[in-house]
Amino acid sequence: MSEKNNLLFENYKRNKTESLREQIFFKNIKLVDIAVSICLDYYNASEINISSIDIDDMYQTGYEALLSSIDNYDLSYNASFSGYAIKAIIRKIDRCVGRVIKNSPNTINIKNDISELAIDEEYIGTEEEALEKVSLDEIMKIIEILPERKRQIIQMRFGICGYRKYTCLELADIFETTFQNILYLERKTIEIIKGIHEGTYNRVLK
C-alpha cells in the first residue's frame, strides 16, 4: 500500500468520518476501472454473451464494492488494499452478472498475483486532475447541454458558477439521491469534457 493510502487508513481506523471515507474512495477509484476491464476480458475470452449487461451497472456495482472494501479492510491484513479491494470488486460484479445472464459460470479466476497489484500514485489520482488542462469556458459550454438539475449538481461538485466545492455525500443529501448516482453523473460528465477537449466526443453534441 502506498504511504499516503496507509496514512489515510490509519486515520480512518481512528476516526471513521465520511470525509475520510470519501478521500480513500477517490484515491482508489481507478481500481473499479481495472476490475471492470478484467471482468470484460474474462467474459470475452470465455465467449460469454454479455449483450444484456449494462456496463454502467457494472461500474455502479464496483463502486458499492469499493465502499464496502474500505469499511471492511484492516491494516493487519497480509495484503495491500488494492489487492484486497480488487478481488472484492471482481467477485461482486461477477455475482451481479450471473444474476442477469442465465447459466453464467461465475468462475472468474482471480489470480494470486492480483493481491500484489500496485497502482502508481499518478494513475490513482482522481479524474478531476484531468480538468486542469480544460478552460472554465469549455466546461461551461459543455455542461449547458445537461438538464437543469444535473447542471446544478455538476456546478456544485466542481465548485463553479459561484458555488463552493461540494462533496458527493453532501450533494447526495441535498438532492435526495445516492452517493453512487452523484459519482456516476460526475464520471460521465468528466468523460464528455475530456472527450470533447481531445476531439473524441464531438458526436455527443450533434
N, C-alpha and C. Protein backbone atom coordinates (compact mmCIF):
# COMPACT_ATOMS: atom_id res chain seq x y z
N MET A 1 0.85 -1.19 0.00
CA MET A 1 0.00 0.00 0.00
C MET A 1 0.88 1.24 0.00
N SER A 2 0.51 2.26 -0.75
CA SER A 2 1.29 3.48 -0.78
C SER A 2 1.26 4.13 0.59
N GLU A 3 2.28 4.96 0.86
CA GLU A 3 2.37 5.62 2.16
C GLU A 3 1.15 6.50 2.42
N LYS A 4 0.69 7.20 1.36
CA LYS A 4 -0.47 8.08 1.52
C LYS A 4 -1.73 7.29 1.81
N ASN A 5 -1.92 6.16 1.10
CA ASN A 5 -3.07 5.30 1.34
C ASN A 5 -3.03 4.76 2.77
N ASN A 6 -1.84 4.35 3.18
CA ASN A 6 -1.66 3.78 4.51
C ASN A 6 -2.04 4.80 5.58
N LEU A 7 -1.60 6.03 5.38
CA LEU A 7 -1.89 7.09 6.35
C LEU A 7 -3.38 7.38 6.42
N LEU A 8 -4.05 7.37 5.27
CA LEU A 8 -5.49 7.60 5.24
C LEU A 8 -6.23 6.53 6.03
N PHE A 9 -5.81 5.27 5.84
CA PHE A 9 -6.47 4.17 6.55
C PHE A 9 -6.19 4.23 8.05
N GLU A 10 -4.99 4.63 8.43
CA GLU A 10 -4.68 4.77 9.85
C GLU A 10 -5.59 5.83 10.48
N ASN A 11 -5.76 6.94 9.77
CA ASN A 11 -6.65 8.00 10.28
C ASN A 11 -8.10 7.53 10.30
N TYR A 12 -8.50 6.79 9.26
CA TYR A 12 -9.89 6.32 9.18
C TYR A 12 -10.19 5.29 10.27
N LYS A 13 -9.19 4.48 10.61
CA LYS A 13 -9.39 3.48 11.66
C LYS A 13 -9.63 4.15 13.00
N ARG A 14 -8.95 5.29 13.21
CA ARG A 14 -9.10 6.02 14.47
C ARG A 14 -10.38 6.85 14.49
N ASN A 15 -10.73 7.38 13.32
CA ASN A 15 -11.87 8.29 13.27
C ASN A 15 -12.62 8.08 11.96
N LYS A 16 -13.63 7.22 11.98
CA LYS A 16 -14.34 6.83 10.75
C LYS A 16 -15.35 7.89 10.32
N THR A 17 -14.83 8.97 9.76
CA THR A 17 -15.69 10.04 9.26
C THR A 17 -16.00 9.81 7.78
N GLU A 18 -17.12 10.39 7.34
CA GLU A 18 -17.49 10.27 5.93
C GLU A 18 -16.49 10.99 5.04
N SER A 19 -15.89 12.05 5.55
CA SER A 19 -14.91 12.81 4.78
C SER A 19 -13.69 11.95 4.46
N LEU A 20 -13.17 11.23 5.45
CA LEU A 20 -12.02 10.35 5.23
C LEU A 20 -12.38 9.19 4.31
N ARG A 21 -13.59 8.66 4.50
CA ARG A 21 -14.06 7.56 3.66
C ARG A 21 -14.09 7.98 2.20
N GLU A 22 -14.57 9.19 1.96
CA GLU A 22 -14.65 9.69 0.59
C GLU A 22 -13.25 9.93 0.02
N GLN A 23 -12.34 10.42 0.85
CA GLN A 23 -10.96 10.62 0.37
C GLN A 23 -10.34 9.31 -0.08
N ILE A 24 -10.52 8.26 0.72
CA ILE A 24 -9.98 6.95 0.36
C ILE A 24 -10.65 6.43 -0.90
N PHE A 25 -11.95 6.65 -0.99
CA PHE A 25 -12.69 6.19 -2.17
C PHE A 25 -12.12 6.78 -3.45
N PHE A 26 -11.98 8.11 -3.49
CA PHE A 26 -11.49 8.75 -4.70
C PHE A 26 -10.01 8.48 -4.94
N LYS A 27 -9.28 8.21 -3.89
CA LYS A 27 -7.87 7.86 -4.03
C LYS A 27 -7.73 6.52 -4.76
N ASN A 28 -8.72 5.65 -4.62
CA ASN A 28 -8.63 4.29 -5.16
C ASN A 28 -9.67 3.97 -6.23
N ILE A 29 -10.34 5.00 -6.74
CA ILE A 29 -11.45 4.77 -7.66
C ILE A 29 -11.03 4.05 -8.94
N LYS A 30 -9.77 4.19 -9.34
CA LYS A 30 -9.29 3.54 -10.56
C LYS A 30 -9.32 2.02 -10.45
N LEU A 31 -9.39 1.51 -9.23
CA LEU A 31 -9.48 0.06 -9.05
C LEU A 31 -10.75 -0.49 -9.67
N VAL A 32 -11.81 0.31 -9.69
CA VAL A 32 -13.06 -0.13 -10.31
C VAL A 32 -12.87 -0.26 -11.82
N ASP A 33 -12.17 0.69 -12.43
CA ASP A 33 -11.87 0.60 -13.87
C ASP A 33 -11.12 -0.69 -14.18
N ILE A 34 -10.13 -1.00 -13.36
CA ILE A 34 -9.33 -2.20 -13.57
C ILE A 34 -10.18 -3.45 -13.42
N ALA A 35 -11.01 -3.50 -12.38
CA ALA A 35 -11.85 -4.67 -12.13
C ALA A 35 -12.85 -4.89 -13.26
N VAL A 36 -13.47 -3.82 -13.74
CA VAL A 36 -14.42 -3.95 -14.85
C VAL A 36 -13.70 -4.47 -16.09
N SER A 37 -12.51 -3.97 -16.35
CA SER A 37 -11.74 -4.42 -17.52
C SER A 37 -11.39 -5.90 -17.41
N ILE A 38 -10.99 -6.33 -16.21
CA ILE A 38 -10.67 -7.74 -16.00
C ILE A 38 -11.89 -8.61 -16.26
N CYS A 39 -13.05 -8.19 -15.75
CA CYS A 39 -14.28 -8.96 -15.95
C CYS A 39 -14.65 -9.03 -17.43
N LEU A 40 -14.60 -7.90 -18.12
CA LEU A 40 -14.95 -7.88 -19.53
C LEU A 40 -14.00 -8.74 -20.36
N ASP A 41 -12.71 -8.69 -20.04
CA ASP A 41 -11.73 -9.52 -20.74
C ASP A 41 -12.03 -11.01 -20.53
N TYR A 42 -12.41 -11.34 -19.30
CA TYR A 42 -12.73 -12.74 -19.00
C TYR A 42 -13.97 -13.20 -19.77
N TYR A 43 -15.02 -12.38 -19.75
CA TYR A 43 -16.25 -12.77 -20.44
C TYR A 43 -16.03 -12.89 -21.94
N ASN A 44 -15.25 -11.98 -22.51
CA ASN A 44 -14.98 -12.06 -23.95
C ASN A 44 -14.15 -13.30 -24.29
N ALA A 45 -13.13 -13.56 -23.48
CA ALA A 45 -12.28 -14.73 -23.71
C ALA A 45 -13.06 -16.03 -23.54
N SER A 46 -14.04 -16.02 -22.65
CA SER A 46 -14.86 -17.22 -22.38
C SER A 46 -16.07 -17.30 -23.30
N GLU A 47 -16.18 -16.33 -24.22
CA GLU A 47 -17.29 -16.27 -25.17
C GLU A 47 -18.65 -16.26 -24.47
N ILE A 48 -18.70 -15.52 -23.36
CA ILE A 48 -19.95 -15.35 -22.63
C ILE A 48 -20.66 -14.12 -23.21
N ASN A 49 -21.89 -14.28 -23.63
CA ASN A 49 -22.65 -13.19 -24.23
C ASN A 49 -23.14 -12.23 -23.14
N ILE A 50 -22.58 -11.04 -23.14
CA ILE A 50 -22.96 -10.06 -22.12
C ILE A 50 -23.72 -8.88 -22.76
N SER A 51 -24.35 -9.13 -23.89
CA SER A 51 -25.07 -8.06 -24.58
C SER A 51 -26.21 -7.50 -23.73
N SER A 52 -26.71 -8.30 -22.80
CA SER A 52 -27.82 -7.84 -21.95
C SER A 52 -27.32 -7.09 -20.71
N ILE A 53 -26.01 -6.98 -20.57
CA ILE A 53 -25.43 -6.33 -19.40
C ILE A 53 -25.14 -4.86 -19.69
N ASP A 54 -25.57 -3.99 -18.80
CA ASP A 54 -25.28 -2.56 -18.91
C ASP A 54 -23.94 -2.32 -18.22
N ILE A 55 -22.96 -1.84 -18.97
CA ILE A 55 -21.64 -1.61 -18.40
C ILE A 55 -21.71 -0.63 -17.23
N ASP A 56 -22.60 0.35 -17.34
CA ASP A 56 -22.75 1.31 -16.24
C ASP A 56 -23.19 0.61 -14.95
N ASP A 57 -24.00 -0.44 -15.08
CA ASP A 57 -24.40 -1.20 -13.89
C ASP A 57 -23.20 -1.90 -13.27
N MET A 58 -22.27 -2.35 -14.11
CA MET A 58 -21.05 -2.98 -13.59
C MET A 58 -20.25 -1.97 -12.78
N TYR A 59 -20.19 -0.73 -13.28
CA TYR A 59 -19.47 0.31 -12.55
C TYR A 59 -20.17 0.64 -11.23
N GLN A 60 -21.49 0.75 -11.25
CA GLN A 60 -22.23 1.04 -10.03
C GLN A 60 -21.96 -0.03 -8.97
N THR A 61 -21.99 -1.29 -9.44
CA THR A 61 -21.71 -2.41 -8.53
C THR A 61 -20.29 -2.32 -8.01
N GLY A 62 -19.36 -1.95 -8.89
CA GLY A 62 -17.97 -1.81 -8.49
C GLY A 62 -17.77 -0.73 -7.44
N TYR A 63 -18.47 0.39 -7.60
CA TYR A 63 -18.36 1.47 -6.62
C TYR A 63 -18.87 1.01 -5.26
N GLU A 64 -19.98 0.27 -5.26
CA GLU A 64 -20.52 -0.23 -3.99
C GLU A 64 -19.53 -1.18 -3.32
N ALA A 65 -18.88 -2.02 -4.14
CA ALA A 65 -17.91 -2.98 -3.59
C ALA A 65 -16.69 -2.25 -3.05
N LEU A 66 -16.28 -1.17 -3.71
CA LEU A 66 -15.13 -0.41 -3.23
C LEU A 66 -15.44 0.22 -1.88
N LEU A 67 -16.63 0.78 -1.73
CA LEU A 67 -17.02 1.36 -0.45
C LEU A 67 -17.05 0.30 0.66
N SER A 68 -17.57 -0.88 0.34
CA SER A 68 -17.60 -1.97 1.32
C SER A 68 -16.18 -2.39 1.69
N SER A 69 -15.30 -2.40 0.70
CA SER A 69 -13.91 -2.79 0.96
C SER A 69 -13.23 -1.80 1.90
N ILE A 70 -13.52 -0.53 1.72
CA ILE A 70 -12.96 0.50 2.61
C ILE A 70 -13.41 0.25 4.04
N ASP A 71 -14.68 -0.09 4.22
CA ASP A 71 -15.22 -0.31 5.56
C ASP A 71 -14.67 -1.58 6.20
N ASN A 72 -14.39 -2.60 5.37
CA ASN A 72 -14.01 -3.91 5.91
C ASN A 72 -12.50 -4.13 5.98
N TYR A 73 -11.71 -3.34 5.29
CA TYR A 73 -10.27 -3.57 5.24
C TYR A 73 -9.62 -3.23 6.58
N ASP A 74 -8.60 -4.02 6.91
CA ASP A 74 -7.84 -3.79 8.14
C ASP A 74 -6.35 -3.79 7.80
N LEU A 75 -5.61 -2.87 8.38
CA LEU A 75 -4.19 -2.74 8.08
C LEU A 75 -3.40 -3.99 8.49
N SER A 76 -3.99 -4.82 9.34
CA SER A 76 -3.30 -6.04 9.78
C SER A 76 -3.36 -7.15 8.73
N TYR A 77 -4.21 -6.97 7.70
CA TYR A 77 -4.33 -7.99 6.66
C TYR A 77 -3.00 -8.13 5.92
N ASN A 78 -2.69 -9.36 5.55
CA ASN A 78 -1.45 -9.62 4.82
C ASN A 78 -1.69 -9.40 3.32
N ALA A 79 -2.17 -8.21 2.97
CA ALA A 79 -2.45 -7.87 1.58
C ALA A 79 -2.59 -6.36 1.48
N SER A 80 -2.20 -5.82 0.33
CA SER A 80 -2.39 -4.39 0.11
C SER A 80 -3.88 -4.11 -0.05
N PHE A 81 -4.27 -2.87 0.16
CA PHE A 81 -5.68 -2.55 -0.02
C PHE A 81 -6.10 -2.75 -1.47
N SER A 82 -5.23 -2.40 -2.41
CA SER A 82 -5.58 -2.55 -3.82
C SER A 82 -5.86 -4.00 -4.16
N GLY A 83 -5.03 -4.91 -3.64
CA GLY A 83 -5.25 -6.33 -3.91
C GLY A 83 -6.51 -6.85 -3.24
N TYR A 84 -6.73 -6.43 -1.99
CA TYR A 84 -7.92 -6.84 -1.25
C TYR A 84 -9.18 -6.33 -1.94
N ALA A 85 -9.17 -5.05 -2.32
CA ALA A 85 -10.36 -4.42 -2.88
C ALA A 85 -10.69 -4.95 -4.26
N ILE A 86 -9.67 -5.12 -5.11
CA ILE A 86 -9.97 -5.52 -6.48
C ILE A 86 -10.59 -6.91 -6.54
N LYS A 87 -10.15 -7.79 -5.64
CA LYS A 87 -10.77 -9.12 -5.58
C LYS A 87 -12.25 -9.00 -5.18
N ALA A 88 -12.52 -8.17 -4.18
CA ALA A 88 -13.90 -8.00 -3.71
C ALA A 88 -14.76 -7.38 -4.81
N ILE A 89 -14.21 -6.43 -5.55
CA ILE A 89 -14.95 -5.76 -6.62
C ILE A 89 -15.27 -6.74 -7.74
N ILE A 90 -14.28 -7.53 -8.14
CA ILE A 90 -14.48 -8.52 -9.21
C ILE A 90 -15.54 -9.54 -8.80
N ARG A 91 -15.47 -10.03 -7.59
CA ARG A 91 -16.43 -11.03 -7.12
C ARG A 91 -17.86 -10.48 -7.14
N LYS A 92 -18.02 -9.23 -6.68
CA LYS A 92 -19.37 -8.66 -6.62
C LYS A 92 -19.91 -8.42 -8.02
N ILE A 93 -19.07 -7.91 -8.92
CA ILE A 93 -19.50 -7.70 -10.31
C ILE A 93 -19.90 -9.03 -10.93
N ASP A 94 -19.08 -10.06 -10.72
CA ASP A 94 -19.34 -11.37 -11.31
C ASP A 94 -20.64 -11.97 -10.80
N ARG A 95 -20.92 -11.80 -9.52
CA ARG A 95 -22.18 -12.30 -8.96
C ARG A 95 -23.37 -11.59 -9.59
N CYS A 96 -23.25 -10.28 -9.75
CA CYS A 96 -24.36 -9.50 -10.34
C CYS A 96 -24.58 -9.88 -11.80
N VAL A 97 -23.50 -10.08 -12.53
CA VAL A 97 -23.61 -10.50 -13.93
C VAL A 97 -24.28 -11.87 -13.99
N GLY A 98 -23.93 -12.74 -13.07
CA GLY A 98 -24.51 -14.08 -13.03
C GLY A 98 -26.00 -14.08 -12.79
N ARG A 99 -26.52 -13.07 -12.09
CA ARG A 99 -27.96 -12.99 -11.85
C ARG A 99 -28.72 -12.56 -13.09
N VAL A 100 -28.01 -11.90 -14.01
CA VAL A 100 -28.64 -11.42 -15.24
C VAL A 100 -28.52 -12.43 -16.37
N ILE A 101 -27.33 -13.05 -16.47
CA ILE A 101 -27.07 -14.00 -17.55
C ILE A 101 -27.38 -15.41 -17.08
N LYS A 102 -28.30 -16.06 -17.76
CA LYS A 102 -28.64 -17.43 -17.40
C LYS A 102 -27.46 -18.36 -17.69
N ASN A 103 -27.25 -19.30 -16.78
CA ASN A 103 -26.20 -20.30 -16.92
C ASN A 103 -24.79 -19.71 -16.94
N SER A 104 -24.65 -18.49 -16.41
CA SER A 104 -23.31 -17.92 -16.30
C SER A 104 -22.52 -18.72 -15.28
N PRO A 105 -21.27 -19.11 -15.61
CA PRO A 105 -20.49 -19.94 -14.70
C PRO A 105 -20.03 -19.23 -13.44
N ASN A 106 -19.93 -17.90 -13.48
CA ASN A 106 -19.43 -17.13 -12.32
C ASN A 106 -18.17 -17.73 -11.76
N THR A 107 -17.21 -17.96 -12.61
CA THR A 107 -15.97 -18.59 -12.15
C THR A 107 -14.75 -17.80 -12.60
N ILE A 108 -14.81 -16.49 -12.49
CA ILE A 108 -13.63 -15.70 -12.84
C ILE A 108 -12.48 -16.12 -11.94
N ASN A 109 -11.37 -16.45 -12.55
CA ASN A 109 -10.21 -16.91 -11.81
C ASN A 109 -9.42 -15.70 -11.33
N ILE A 110 -9.57 -15.37 -10.07
CA ILE A 110 -8.86 -14.24 -9.51
C ILE A 110 -7.47 -14.71 -9.11
N LYS A 111 -6.51 -14.44 -9.96
CA LYS A 111 -5.15 -14.94 -9.76
C LYS A 111 -4.53 -14.36 -8.49
N ASN A 112 -3.63 -15.15 -7.90
CA ASN A 112 -2.98 -14.72 -6.68
C ASN A 112 -2.17 -13.45 -6.86
N ASP A 113 -1.60 -13.27 -8.07
CA ASP A 113 -0.75 -12.10 -8.25
C ASP A 113 -1.54 -10.80 -8.24
N ILE A 114 -2.87 -10.88 -8.32
CA ILE A 114 -3.66 -9.66 -8.20
C ILE A 114 -3.52 -9.07 -6.81
N SER A 115 -3.29 -9.93 -5.81
CA SER A 115 -3.15 -9.44 -4.45
C SER A 115 -1.92 -8.56 -4.29
N GLU A 116 -0.99 -8.66 -5.23
CA GLU A 116 0.21 -7.84 -5.16
C GLU A 116 0.11 -6.65 -6.10
N LEU A 117 -1.10 -6.39 -6.60
CA LEU A 117 -1.30 -5.30 -7.55
C LEU A 117 -0.82 -3.98 -6.97
N ALA A 118 -0.02 -3.28 -7.74
CA ALA A 118 0.48 -1.97 -7.31
C ALA A 118 0.04 -0.94 -8.33
N ILE A 119 -0.60 0.10 -7.87
CA ILE A 119 -1.07 1.15 -8.74
C ILE A 119 -0.22 2.40 -8.50
N ASP A 120 0.34 2.95 -9.55
CA ASP A 120 1.14 4.16 -9.41
C ASP A 120 0.31 5.29 -8.86
N GLU A 121 0.95 6.15 -8.04
CA GLU A 121 0.25 7.31 -7.48
C GLU A 121 -0.32 8.18 -8.60
N GLU A 122 0.42 8.34 -9.69
CA GLU A 122 -0.03 9.18 -10.79
C GLU A 122 -1.29 8.61 -11.42
N TYR A 123 -1.40 7.28 -11.49
CA TYR A 123 -2.56 6.65 -12.11
C TYR A 123 -3.76 6.69 -11.20
N ILE A 124 -3.50 6.57 -9.91
CA ILE A 124 -4.61 6.50 -8.96
C ILE A 124 -5.25 7.87 -8.73
N GLY A 125 -4.59 8.95 -9.12
CA GLY A 125 -5.11 10.30 -8.91
C GLY A 125 -6.52 10.45 -9.43
N THR A 126 -7.26 11.35 -8.84
CA THR A 126 -8.66 11.48 -9.21
C THR A 126 -8.82 12.02 -10.61
N GLU A 127 -9.98 11.75 -11.20
CA GLU A 127 -10.27 12.19 -12.56
C GLU A 127 -10.28 13.71 -12.66
N GLU A 128 -10.59 14.40 -11.57
CA GLU A 128 -10.71 15.84 -11.65
C GLU A 128 -9.40 16.51 -12.05
N GLU A 129 -8.26 15.82 -11.80
CA GLU A 129 -6.98 16.38 -12.18
C GLU A 129 -6.91 16.57 -13.69
N ALA A 130 -7.66 15.75 -14.43
CA ALA A 130 -7.65 15.86 -15.89
C ALA A 130 -8.31 17.15 -16.36
N LEU A 131 -9.09 17.79 -15.48
CA LEU A 131 -9.79 19.00 -15.87
C LEU A 131 -8.89 20.24 -15.82
N GLU A 132 -7.70 20.08 -15.24
CA GLU A 132 -6.83 21.23 -15.07
C GLU A 132 -6.42 21.85 -16.41
N LYS A 133 -6.39 21.01 -17.46
CA LYS A 133 -5.97 21.49 -18.78
C LYS A 133 -7.15 22.03 -19.59
N VAL A 134 -8.34 21.95 -19.03
CA VAL A 134 -9.54 22.40 -19.73
C VAL A 134 -9.98 23.74 -19.15
N SER A 135 -10.24 24.71 -20.00
CA SER A 135 -10.62 26.04 -19.53
C SER A 135 -12.03 26.03 -18.96
N LEU A 136 -12.31 27.01 -18.08
CA LEU A 136 -13.63 27.13 -17.48
C LEU A 136 -14.68 27.38 -18.56
N ASP A 137 -14.33 28.15 -19.58
CA ASP A 137 -15.27 28.42 -20.67
C ASP A 137 -15.69 27.13 -21.36
N GLU A 138 -14.72 26.22 -21.59
CA GLU A 138 -15.03 24.94 -22.22
C GLU A 138 -15.99 24.13 -21.36
N ILE A 139 -15.70 24.11 -20.05
CA ILE A 139 -16.55 23.35 -19.13
C ILE A 139 -17.97 23.93 -19.13
N MET A 140 -18.08 25.24 -19.10
CA MET A 140 -19.39 25.89 -19.07
C MET A 140 -20.21 25.57 -20.31
N LYS A 141 -19.57 25.57 -21.48
CA LYS A 141 -20.27 25.27 -22.72
C LYS A 141 -20.77 23.83 -22.73
N ILE A 142 -19.95 22.94 -22.17
CA ILE A 142 -20.29 21.51 -22.19
C ILE A 142 -21.45 21.20 -21.25
N ILE A 143 -21.44 21.77 -20.04
CA ILE A 143 -22.49 21.42 -19.08
C ILE A 143 -23.81 22.10 -19.42
N GLU A 144 -23.79 23.04 -20.36
CA GLU A 144 -25.05 23.66 -20.79
C GLU A 144 -26.00 22.66 -21.42
N ILE A 145 -25.45 21.53 -21.92
CA ILE A 145 -26.31 20.53 -22.57
C ILE A 145 -27.04 19.67 -21.54
N LEU A 146 -26.67 19.79 -20.26
CA LEU A 146 -27.27 18.97 -19.22
C LEU A 146 -28.61 19.56 -18.76
N PRO A 147 -29.54 18.71 -18.32
CA PRO A 147 -30.78 19.22 -17.72
C PRO A 147 -30.45 20.07 -16.50
N GLU A 148 -31.35 20.95 -16.09
CA GLU A 148 -31.07 21.92 -15.03
C GLU A 148 -30.58 21.27 -13.74
N ARG A 149 -31.25 20.21 -13.31
CA ARG A 149 -30.87 19.56 -12.04
C ARG A 149 -29.45 19.01 -12.11
N LYS A 150 -29.14 18.30 -13.20
CA LYS A 150 -27.81 17.74 -13.35
C LYS A 150 -26.75 18.83 -13.50
N ARG A 151 -27.12 19.89 -14.22
CA ARG A 151 -26.18 21.01 -14.41
C ARG A 151 -25.83 21.63 -13.06
N GLN A 152 -26.83 21.79 -12.19
CA GLN A 152 -26.57 22.38 -10.88
C GLN A 152 -25.69 21.46 -10.03
N ILE A 153 -25.93 20.16 -10.11
CA ILE A 153 -25.11 19.21 -9.36
C ILE A 153 -23.66 19.33 -9.78
N ILE A 154 -23.42 19.39 -11.09
CA ILE A 154 -22.04 19.47 -11.58
C ILE A 154 -21.41 20.81 -11.20
N GLN A 155 -22.17 21.90 -11.26
CA GLN A 155 -21.65 23.20 -10.86
C GLN A 155 -21.21 23.17 -9.39
N MET A 156 -22.03 22.54 -8.56
CA MET A 156 -21.72 22.48 -7.13
C MET A 156 -20.59 21.50 -6.85
N ARG A 157 -20.54 20.42 -7.62
CA ARG A 157 -19.48 19.42 -7.42
C ARG A 157 -18.11 19.97 -7.81
N PHE A 158 -18.07 20.74 -8.92
CA PHE A 158 -16.80 21.29 -9.39
C PHE A 158 -16.46 22.64 -8.76
N GLY A 159 -17.43 23.21 -8.04
CA GLY A 159 -17.17 24.49 -7.39
C GLY A 159 -17.09 25.65 -8.37
N ILE A 160 -18.04 25.71 -9.30
CA ILE A 160 -18.06 26.79 -10.29
C ILE A 160 -19.39 27.53 -10.23
N CYS A 161 -19.49 28.63 -11.00
CA CYS A 161 -20.72 29.44 -11.04
C CYS A 161 -21.11 29.99 -9.67
N GLY A 162 -20.11 30.32 -8.86
CA GLY A 162 -20.36 30.92 -7.56
C GLY A 162 -20.56 29.94 -6.42
N TYR A 163 -20.58 28.65 -6.72
CA TYR A 163 -20.75 27.64 -5.66
C TYR A 163 -19.39 27.28 -5.06
N ARG A 164 -19.40 26.93 -3.78
CA ARG A 164 -18.22 26.28 -3.22
C ARG A 164 -18.18 24.85 -3.72
N LYS A 165 -17.10 24.16 -3.51
CA LYS A 165 -16.98 22.78 -3.98
C LYS A 165 -17.61 21.83 -2.95
N TYR A 166 -18.66 21.13 -3.38
CA TYR A 166 -19.37 20.20 -2.51
C TYR A 166 -18.84 18.78 -2.70
N THR A 167 -18.93 17.97 -1.64
CA THR A 167 -18.57 16.56 -1.76
C THR A 167 -19.75 15.78 -2.33
N CYS A 168 -19.47 14.57 -2.80
CA CYS A 168 -20.54 13.71 -3.32
C CYS A 168 -21.57 13.42 -2.24
N LEU A 169 -21.10 13.22 -1.01
CA LEU A 169 -22.02 12.91 0.09
C LEU A 169 -22.94 14.09 0.38
N GLU A 170 -22.39 15.29 0.36
CA GLU A 170 -23.22 16.48 0.59
C GLU A 170 -24.27 16.62 -0.50
N LEU A 171 -23.88 16.40 -1.76
CA LEU A 171 -24.81 16.54 -2.87
C LEU A 171 -25.89 15.46 -2.83
N ALA A 172 -25.50 14.25 -2.43
CA ALA A 172 -26.48 13.17 -2.32
C ALA A 172 -27.55 13.54 -1.30
N ASP A 173 -27.15 14.18 -0.21
CA ASP A 173 -28.09 14.60 0.82
C ASP A 173 -28.97 15.75 0.33
N ILE A 174 -28.36 16.73 -0.33
CA ILE A 174 -29.09 17.90 -0.81
C ILE A 174 -30.13 17.52 -1.86
N PHE A 175 -29.74 16.65 -2.79
CA PHE A 175 -30.62 16.31 -3.91
C PHE A 175 -31.40 15.00 -3.68
N GLU A 176 -31.28 14.47 -2.45
CA GLU A 176 -32.03 13.28 -2.05
C GLU A 176 -31.84 12.13 -3.04
N THR A 177 -30.58 11.83 -3.28
CA THR A 177 -30.23 10.71 -4.15
C THR A 177 -29.10 9.95 -3.50
N THR A 178 -28.47 9.04 -4.23
CA THR A 178 -27.40 8.23 -3.65
C THR A 178 -26.03 8.78 -4.01
N PHE A 179 -25.07 8.42 -3.21
CA PHE A 179 -23.67 8.76 -3.47
C PHE A 179 -23.26 8.25 -4.85
N GLN A 180 -23.68 7.01 -5.18
CA GLN A 180 -23.32 6.40 -6.45
C GLN A 180 -23.89 7.17 -7.64
N ASN A 181 -25.11 7.70 -7.50
CA ASN A 181 -25.71 8.47 -8.60
C ASN A 181 -24.95 9.76 -8.85
N ILE A 182 -24.52 10.42 -7.79
CA ILE A 182 -23.73 11.64 -7.95
C ILE A 182 -22.39 11.31 -8.60
N LEU A 183 -21.78 10.24 -8.14
CA LEU A 183 -20.49 9.82 -8.70
C LEU A 183 -20.62 9.45 -10.17
N TYR A 184 -21.71 8.76 -10.51
CA TYR A 184 -21.93 8.36 -11.90
C TYR A 184 -22.06 9.60 -12.79
N LEU A 185 -22.84 10.59 -12.35
CA LEU A 185 -23.01 11.81 -13.13
C LEU A 185 -21.68 12.53 -13.29
N GLU A 186 -20.91 12.56 -12.23
CA GLU A 186 -19.59 13.22 -12.30
C GLU A 186 -18.69 12.50 -13.30
N ARG A 187 -18.66 11.17 -13.22
CA ARG A 187 -17.79 10.40 -14.11
C ARG A 187 -18.17 10.60 -15.57
N LYS A 188 -19.47 10.53 -15.87
CA LYS A 188 -19.91 10.69 -17.25
C LYS A 188 -19.63 12.10 -17.76
N THR A 189 -19.80 13.10 -16.89
CA THR A 189 -19.53 14.49 -17.30
C THR A 189 -18.05 14.69 -17.59
N ILE A 190 -17.20 14.13 -16.75
CA ILE A 190 -15.76 14.25 -16.96
C ILE A 190 -15.35 13.56 -18.26
N GLU A 191 -15.96 12.41 -18.54
CA GLU A 191 -15.66 11.71 -19.79
C GLU A 191 -16.00 12.58 -21.00
N ILE A 192 -17.16 13.25 -20.93
CA ILE A 192 -17.58 14.11 -22.03
C ILE A 192 -16.65 15.31 -22.17
N ILE A 193 -16.32 15.93 -21.03
CA ILE A 193 -15.44 17.09 -21.05
C ILE A 193 -14.08 16.72 -21.64
N LYS A 194 -13.51 15.62 -21.16
CA LYS A 194 -12.21 15.19 -21.68
C LYS A 194 -12.31 14.83 -23.15
N GLY A 195 -13.39 14.13 -23.51
CA GLY A 195 -13.54 13.67 -24.88
C GLY A 195 -13.69 14.80 -25.87
N ILE A 196 -14.53 15.79 -25.51
CA ILE A 196 -14.72 16.93 -26.40
C ILE A 196 -13.43 17.75 -26.50
N HIS A 197 -12.75 17.91 -25.38
CA HIS A 197 -11.49 18.66 -25.38
C HIS A 197 -10.44 17.98 -26.27
N GLU A 198 -10.46 16.65 -26.27
CA GLU A 198 -9.48 15.90 -27.06
C GLU A 198 -9.98 15.58 -28.46
N GLY A 199 -11.23 15.98 -28.77
CA GLY A 199 -11.75 15.76 -30.10
C GLY A 199 -12.32 14.39 -30.35
N THR A 200 -12.66 13.67 -29.28
CA THR A 200 -13.17 12.30 -29.44
C THR A 200 -14.63 12.16 -29.06
N TYR A 201 -15.27 13.25 -28.62
CA TYR A 201 -16.67 13.18 -28.20
C TYR A 201 -17.55 14.18 -28.94
N ASN A 202 -17.13 14.60 -30.11
CA ASN A 202 -17.91 15.58 -30.87
C ASN A 202 -19.34 15.12 -31.13
N ARG A 203 -19.51 13.81 -31.27
CA ARG A 203 -20.84 13.27 -31.59
C ARG A 203 -21.84 13.53 -30.48
N VAL A 204 -21.37 13.77 -29.26
CA VAL A 204 -22.29 13.98 -28.14
C VAL A 204 -23.15 15.23 -28.35
N LEU A 205 -22.59 16.23 -29.03
CA LEU A 205 -23.29 17.49 -29.18
C LEU A 205 -24.12 17.54 -30.46
N LYS A 206 -24.05 16.52 -31.28
CA LYS A 206 -24.79 16.53 -32.54
C LYS A 206 -26.24 16.12 -32.33
